[in-house]
PDB file of N, CA and C in Angstrom:
ATOM      1  N   UNK A   1     -14.394  30.983   2.289  1.00  0.00           N
ATOM      2  CA  UNK A   1     -13.510  29.846   2.456  1.00  0.00           C
ATOM      3  C   UNK A   1     -14.313  28.566   2.223  1.00  0.00           C
ATOM      4  N   UNK A   2     -13.705  27.639   1.536  1.00  0.00           N
ATOM      5  CA  UNK A   2     -14.324  26.347   1.281  1.00  0.00           C
ATOM      6  C   UNK A   2     -13.579  25.282   2.089  1.00  0.00           C
ATOM      7  N   UNK A   3     -14.320  24.296   2.543  1.00  0.00           N
ATOM      8  CA  UNK A   3     -13.741  23.156   3.241  1.00  0.00           C
ATOM      9  C   UNK A   3     -14.210  21.899   2.528  1.00  0.00           C
ATOM     10  N   UNK A   4     -13.287  20.983   2.271  1.00  0.00           N
ATOM     11  CA  UNK A   4     -13.621  19.744   1.593  1.00  0.00           C
ATOM     12  C   UNK A   4     -13.063  18.559   2.361  1.00  0.00           C
ATOM     13  N   UNK A   5     -13.877  17.541   2.486  1.00  0.00           N
ATOM     14  CA  UNK A   5     -13.432  16.288   3.075  1.00  0.00           C
ATOM     15  C   UNK A   5     -12.425  15.654   2.135  1.00  0.00           C
ATOM     16  N   UNK A   6     -11.340  15.130   2.692  1.00  0.00           N
ATOM     17  CA  UNK A   6     -10.421  14.329   1.890  1.00  0.00           C
ATOM     18  C   UNK A   6     -10.341  12.939   2.497  1.00  0.00           C
ATOM     19  N   UNK A   7     -10.137  11.960   1.633  1.00  0.00           N
ATOM     20  CA  UNK A   7      -9.965  10.574   2.053  1.00  0.00           C
ATOM     21  C   UNK A   7      -8.532  10.192   1.713  1.00  0.00           C
ATOM     22  N   UNK A   8      -7.815   9.685   2.706  1.00  0.00           N
ATOM     23  CA  UNK A   8      -6.436   9.246   2.506  1.00  0.00           C
ATOM     24  C   UNK A   8      -6.402   7.744   2.695  1.00  0.00           C
ATOM     25  N   UNK A   9      -5.798   7.073   1.741  1.00  0.00           N
ATOM     26  CA  UNK A   9      -5.717   5.610   1.778  1.00  0.00           C
ATOM     27  C   UNK A   9      -4.269   5.165   1.646  1.00  0.00           C
ATOM     28  N   UNK A  10      -3.896   4.148   2.401  1.00  0.00           N
ATOM     29  CA  UNK A  10      -2.577   3.540   2.269  1.00  0.00           C
ATOM     30  C   UNK A  10      -2.670   2.497   1.170  1.00  0.00           C
ATOM     31  N   UNK A  11      -1.802   2.611   0.169  1.00  0.00           N
ATOM     32  CA  UNK A  11      -1.752   1.613  -0.892  1.00  0.00           C
ATOM     33  C   UNK A  11      -0.522   0.736  -0.661  1.00  0.00           C
ATOM     34  N   UNK A  12      -0.289  -0.159  -1.556  1.00  0.00           N
ATOM     35  CA  UNK A  12       0.847  -1.066  -1.393  1.00  0.00           C
ATOM     36  C   UNK A  12       2.181  -0.319  -1.369  1.00  0.00           C
ATOM     37  N   UNK A  13       2.291   0.730  -2.190  1.00  0.00           N
ATOM     38  CA  UNK A  13       3.579   1.414  -2.333  1.00  0.00           C
ATOM     39  C   UNK A  13       3.627   2.846  -1.817  1.00  0.00           C
ATOM     40  N   UNK A  14       2.468   3.458  -1.563  1.00  0.00           N
ATOM     41  CA  UNK A  14       2.456   4.861  -1.144  1.00  0.00           C
ATOM     42  C   UNK A  14       1.106   5.188  -0.517  1.00  0.00           C
ATOM     43  N   UNK A  15       0.754   6.467  -0.537  1.00  0.00           N
ATOM     44  CA  UNK A  15      -0.544   6.929  -0.055  1.00  0.00           C
ATOM     45  C   UNK A  15      -1.254   7.631  -1.204  1.00  0.00           C
ATOM     46  N   UNK A  16      -2.568   7.559  -1.199  1.00  0.00           N
ATOM     47  CA  UNK A  16      -3.355   8.309  -2.182  1.00  0.00           C
ATOM     48  C   UNK A  16      -4.436   9.072  -1.435  1.00  0.00           C
ATOM     49  N   UNK A  17      -4.902  10.154  -2.050  1.00  0.00           N
ATOM     50  CA  UNK A  17      -5.940  10.975  -1.428  1.00  0.00           C
ATOM     51  C   UNK A  17      -6.851  11.524  -2.507  1.00  0.00           C
ATOM     52  N   UNK A  18      -8.111  11.739  -2.127  1.00  0.00           N
ATOM     53  CA  UNK A  18      -9.078  12.349  -3.033  1.00  0.00           C
ATOM     54  C   UNK A  18     -10.157  13.028  -2.208  1.00  0.00           C
ATOM     55  N   UNK A  19     -10.910  13.881  -2.879  1.00  0.00           N
ATOM     56  CA  UNK A  19     -12.045  14.531  -2.236  1.00  0.00           C
ATOM     57  C   UNK A  19     -13.319  14.074  -2.934  1.00  0.00           C
ATOM     58  N   UNK A  20     -14.250  13.458  -2.216  1.00  0.00           N
ATOM     59  CA  UNK A  20     -15.492  12.994  -2.839  1.00  0.00           C
ATOM     60  C   UNK A  20     -16.318  14.119  -3.465  1.00  0.00           C
ATOM     61  N   UNK A  21     -16.132  15.344  -2.999  1.00  0.00           N
ATOM     62  CA  UNK A  21     -16.902  16.476  -3.514  1.00  0.00           C
ATOM     63  C   UNK A  21     -16.268  17.126  -4.736  1.00  0.00           C
ATOM     64  N   UNK A  22     -15.059  16.681  -5.102  1.00  0.00           N
ATOM     65  CA  UNK A  22     -14.357  17.242  -6.253  1.00  0.00           C
ATOM     66  C   UNK A  22     -13.917  16.095  -7.170  1.00  0.00           C
ATOM     67  N   UNK A  23     -14.827  15.542  -7.937  1.00  0.00           N
ATOM     68  CA  UNK A  23     -14.484  14.414  -8.803  1.00  0.00           C
ATOM     69  C   UNK A  23     -13.283  14.727  -9.693  1.00  0.00           C
ATOM     70  N   UNK A  24     -12.370  13.788  -9.774  1.00  0.00           N
ATOM     71  CA  UNK A  24     -11.181  13.956 -10.600  1.00  0.00           C
ATOM     72  C   UNK A  24     -10.015  14.601  -9.888  1.00  0.00           C
ATOM     73  N   UNK A  25     -10.222  15.060  -8.681  1.00  0.00           N
ATOM     74  CA  UNK A  25      -9.162  15.712  -7.921  1.00  0.00           C
ATOM     75  C   UNK A  25      -8.541  14.679  -6.985  1.00  0.00           C
ATOM     76  N   UNK A  26      -7.284  14.323  -7.260  1.00  0.00           N
ATOM     77  CA  UNK A  26      -6.609  13.290  -6.472  1.00  0.00           C
ATOM     78  C   UNK A  26      -5.125  13.599  -6.400  1.00  0.00           C
ATOM     79  N   UNK A  27      -4.442  12.931  -5.473  1.00  0.00           N
ATOM     80  CA  UNK A  27      -3.004  13.112  -5.325  1.00  0.00           C
ATOM     81  C   UNK A  27      -2.409  11.861  -4.696  1.00  0.00           C
ATOM     82  N   UNK A  28      -1.090  11.731  -4.817  1.00  0.00           N
ATOM     83  CA  UNK A  28      -0.372  10.634  -4.180  1.00  0.00           C
ATOM     84  C   UNK A  28       0.840  11.193  -3.449  1.00  0.00           C
ATOM     85  N   UNK A  29       1.424  10.379  -2.598  1.00  0.00           N
ATOM     86  CA  UNK A  29       2.639  10.760  -1.894  1.00  0.00           C
ATOM     87  C   UNK A  29       3.245   9.556  -1.222  1.00  0.00           C
ATOM     88  N   UNK A  30       4.537   9.632  -0.954  1.00  0.00           N
ATOM     89  CA  UNK A  30       5.224   8.512  -0.308  1.00  0.00           C
ATOM     90  C   UNK A  30       4.895   8.410   1.176  1.00  0.00           C
ATOM     91  N   UNK A  31       4.498   9.536   1.803  1.00  0.00           N
ATOM     92  CA  UNK A  31       4.164   9.553   3.227  1.00  0.00           C
ATOM     93  C   UNK A  31       2.806  10.231   3.406  1.00  0.00           C
ATOM     94  N   UNK A  32       2.243  10.094   4.605  1.00  0.00           N
ATOM     95  CA  UNK A  32       0.981  10.776   4.895  1.00  0.00           C
ATOM     96  C   UNK A  32       1.153  12.289   4.770  1.00  0.00           C
ATOM     97  N   UNK A  33       2.261  12.788   5.294  1.00  0.00           N
ATOM     98  CA  UNK A  33       2.509  14.226   5.243  1.00  0.00           C
ATOM     99  C   UNK A  33       2.607  14.713   3.799  1.00  0.00           C
ATOM    100  N   UNK A  34       3.278  13.943   2.964  1.00  0.00           N
ATOM    101  CA  UNK A  34       3.446  14.344   1.569  1.00  0.00           C
ATOM    102  C   UNK A  34       2.115  14.312   0.827  1.00  0.00           C
ATOM    103  N   UNK A  35       1.304  13.278   1.047  1.00  0.00           N
ATOM    104  CA  UNK A  35       0.023  13.212   0.340  1.00  0.00           C
ATOM    105  C   UNK A  35      -0.917  14.315   0.825  1.00  0.00           C
ATOM    106  N   UNK A  36      -0.869  14.662   2.100  1.00  0.00           N
ATOM    107  CA  UNK A  36      -1.693  15.768   2.598  1.00  0.00           C
ATOM    108  C   UNK A  36      -1.296  17.079   1.921  1.00  0.00           C
ATOM    109  N   UNK A  37      -0.007  17.332   1.798  1.00  0.00           N
ATOM    110  CA  UNK A  37       0.486  18.531   1.117  1.00  0.00           C
ATOM    111  C   UNK A  37       0.056  18.506  -0.351  1.00  0.00           C
ATOM    112  N   UNK A  38       0.216  17.359  -0.985  1.00  0.00           N
ATOM    113  CA  UNK A  38      -0.095  17.253  -2.415  1.00  0.00           C
ATOM    114  C   UNK A  38      -1.589  17.399  -2.693  1.00  0.00           C
ATOM    115  N   UNK A  39      -2.458  16.845  -1.838  1.00  0.00           N
ATOM    116  CA  UNK A  39      -3.898  16.982  -2.088  1.00  0.00           C
ATOM    117  C   UNK A  39      -4.326  18.427  -1.834  1.00  0.00           C
ATOM    118  N   UNK A  40      -3.715  19.088  -0.884  1.00  0.00           N
ATOM    119  CA  UNK A  40      -4.025  20.502  -0.642  1.00  0.00           C
ATOM    120  C   UNK A  40      -3.704  21.319  -1.891  1.00  0.00           C
ATOM    121  N   UNK A  41      -2.538  21.092  -2.474  1.00  0.00           N
ATOM    122  CA  UNK A  41      -2.146  21.788  -3.703  1.00  0.00           C
ATOM    123  C   UNK A  41      -3.068  21.409  -4.865  1.00  0.00           C
ATOM    124  N   UNK A  42      -3.431  20.126  -4.953  1.00  0.00           N
ATOM    125  CA  UNK A  42      -4.313  19.672  -6.034  1.00  0.00           C
ATOM    126  C   UNK A  42      -5.686  20.333  -5.928  1.00  0.00           C
ATOM    127  N   UNK A  43      -6.208  20.463  -4.713  1.00  0.00           N
ATOM    128  CA  UNK A  43      -7.514  21.105  -4.521  1.00  0.00           C
ATOM    129  C   UNK A  43      -7.417  22.582  -4.903  1.00  0.00           C
ATOM    130  N   UNK A  44      -6.336  23.253  -4.504  1.00  0.00           N
ATOM    131  CA  UNK A  44      -6.159  24.660  -4.882  1.00  0.00           C
ATOM    132  C   UNK A  44      -6.177  24.819  -6.400  1.00  0.00           C
ATOM    133  N   UNK A  45      -5.419  23.982  -7.103  1.00  0.00           N
ATOM    134  CA  UNK A  45      -5.371  24.075  -8.569  1.00  0.00           C
ATOM    135  C   UNK A  45      -6.728  23.731  -9.186  1.00  0.00           C
ATOM    136  N   UNK A  46      -7.407  22.760  -8.626  1.00  0.00           N
ATOM    137  CA  UNK A  46      -8.720  22.353  -9.127  1.00  0.00           C
ATOM    138  C   UNK A  46      -9.710  23.517  -9.017  1.00  0.00           C
ATOM    139  N   UNK A  47      -9.726  24.162  -7.848  1.00  0.00           N
ATOM    140  CA  UNK A  47     -10.633  25.295  -7.617  1.00  0.00           C
ATOM    141  C   UNK A  47     -10.263  26.468  -8.534  1.00  0.00           C
ATOM    142  N   UNK A  48      -8.977  26.766  -8.675  1.00  0.00           N
ATOM    143  CA  UNK A  48      -8.546  27.848  -9.566  1.00  0.00           C
ATOM    144  C   UNK A  48      -8.995  27.580 -10.996  1.00  0.00           C
ATOM    145  N   UNK A  49      -8.884  26.331 -11.441  1.00  0.00           N
ATOM    146  CA  UNK A  49      -9.340  25.969 -12.783  1.00  0.00           C
ATOM    147  C   UNK A  49     -10.835  26.151 -12.949  1.00  0.00           C
ATOM    148  N   UNK A  50     -11.590  25.778 -11.935  1.00  0.00           N
ATOM    149  CA  UNK A  50     -13.044  25.955 -11.987  1.00  0.00           C
ATOM    150  C   UNK A  50     -13.389  27.439 -12.093  1.00  0.00           C
ATOM    151  N   UNK A  51     -12.672  28.273 -11.335  1.00  0.00           N
ATOM    152  CA  UNK A  51     -12.920  29.717 -11.386  1.00  0.00           C
ATOM    153  C   UNK A  51     -12.592  30.287 -12.768  1.00  0.00           C
ATOM    154  N   UNK A  52     -11.482  29.812 -13.368  1.00  0.00           N
ATOM    155  CA  UNK A  52     -11.095  30.276 -14.703  1.00  0.00           C
ATOM    156  C   UNK A  52     -12.183  30.012 -15.735  1.00  0.00           C
ATOM    157  N   UNK A  53     -12.860  28.886 -15.588  1.00  0.00           N
ATOM    158  CA  UNK A  53     -13.908  28.511 -16.545  1.00  0.00           C
ATOM    159  C   UNK A  53     -15.309  28.893 -16.057  1.00  0.00           C
ATOM    160  N   UNK A  54     -15.352  29.738 -15.038  1.00  0.00           N
ATOM    161  CA  UNK A  54     -16.619  30.214 -14.477  1.00  0.00           C
ATOM    162  C   UNK A  54     -17.549  29.078 -14.067  1.00  0.00           C
ATOM    163  N   UNK A  55     -16.961  28.002 -13.538  1.00  0.00           N
ATOM    164  CA  UNK A  55     -17.755  26.878 -13.045  1.00  0.00           C
ATOM    165  C   UNK A  55     -18.057  27.102 -11.567  1.00  0.00           C
ATOM    166  N   UNK A  56     -19.222  26.701 -11.114  1.00  0.00           N
ATOM    167  CA  UNK A  56     -19.545  26.886  -9.697  1.00  0.00           C
ATOM    168  C   UNK A  56     -18.693  25.972  -8.813  1.00  0.00           C
ATOM    169  N   UNK A  57     -18.264  26.511  -7.695  1.00  0.00           N
ATOM    170  CA  UNK A  57     -17.517  25.720  -6.715  1.00  0.00           C
ATOM    171  C   UNK A  57     -18.543  24.913  -5.928  1.00  0.00           C
ATOM    172  N   UNK A  58     -18.413  23.586  -5.916  1.00  0.00           N
ATOM    173  CA  UNK A  58     -19.433  22.775  -5.244  1.00  0.00           C
ATOM    174  C   UNK A  58     -19.407  22.953  -3.722  1.00  0.00           C
ATOM    175  N   UNK A  59     -20.563  22.793  -3.140  1.00  0.00           N
ATOM    176  CA  UNK A  59     -20.650  22.761  -1.683  1.00  0.00           C
ATOM    177  C   UNK A  59     -20.158  21.393  -1.214  1.00  0.00           C
ATOM    178  N   UNK A  60     -19.543  21.366  -0.082  1.00  0.00           N
ATOM    179  CA  UNK A  60     -19.104  20.093   0.477  1.00  0.00           C
ATOM    180  C   UNK A  60     -20.306  19.394   1.115  1.00  0.00           C
ATOM    181  N   UNK A  61     -20.643  18.229   0.586  1.00  0.00           N
ATOM    182  CA  UNK A  61     -21.769  17.454   1.103  1.00  0.00           C
ATOM    183  C   UNK A  61     -21.328  16.156   1.757  1.00  0.00           C
ATOM    184  N   UNK A  62     -20.042  15.881   1.720  1.00  0.00           N
ATOM    185  CA  UNK A  62     -19.526  14.622   2.250  1.00  0.00           C
ATOM    186  C   UNK A  62     -19.148  14.761   3.713  1.00  0.00           C
ATOM    187  N   UNK A  63     -19.201  13.658   4.408  1.00  0.00           N
ATOM    188  CA  UNK A  63     -18.704  13.611   5.784  1.00  0.00           C
ATOM    189  C   UNK A  63     -18.195  12.208   6.035  1.00  0.00           C
ATOM    190  N   UNK A  64     -17.411  12.063   7.069  1.00  0.00           N
ATOM    191  CA  UNK A  64     -16.861  10.757   7.422  1.00  0.00           C
ATOM    192  C   UNK A  64     -17.114  10.493   8.895  1.00  0.00           C
ATOM    193  N   UNK A  65     -17.235   9.237   9.187  1.00  0.00           N
ATOM    194  CA  UNK A  65     -17.468   8.847  10.572  1.00  0.00           C
ATOM    195  C   UNK A  65     -16.977   7.423  10.752  1.00  0.00           C
ATOM    196  N   UNK A  66     -16.410   7.146  11.880  1.00  0.00           N
ATOM    197  CA  UNK A  66     -16.022   5.764  12.203  1.00  0.00           C
ATOM    198  C   UNK A  66     -17.198   5.090  12.888  1.00  0.00           C
ATOM    199  N   UNK A  67     -17.364   3.826  12.602  1.00  0.00           N
ATOM    200  CA  UNK A  67     -18.397   3.029  13.247  1.00  0.00           C
ATOM    201  C   UNK A  67     -17.714   1.882  13.962  1.00  0.00           C
ATOM    202  N   UNK A  68     -17.969   1.759  15.229  1.00  0.00           N
ATOM    203  CA  UNK A  68     -17.376   0.680  16.031  1.00  0.00           C
ATOM    204  C   UNK A  68     -18.385  -0.443  16.199  1.00  0.00           C
ATOM    205  N   UNK A  69     -17.907  -1.661  16.062  1.00  0.00           N
ATOM    206  CA  UNK A  69     -18.769  -2.817  16.335  1.00  0.00           C
ATOM    207  C   UNK A  69     -17.955  -3.951  16.850  1.00  0.00           C
TER     208      UNK A  69
END
């Protein structure tokens, strides 16, 4: 099983999401729930494509943390 960090951002008109460990893999949605569903599907398709072309699945090296000041 692979785990990847995703970043979700609120834009002016919707939400967008991407994974820093999977360049080019992104999704959008009108709600947080929709973008989470869409990025999950996008990551699945991205990984399946990598497997089809015998590309190595990258290790997740990203992490996120909040900093309070």
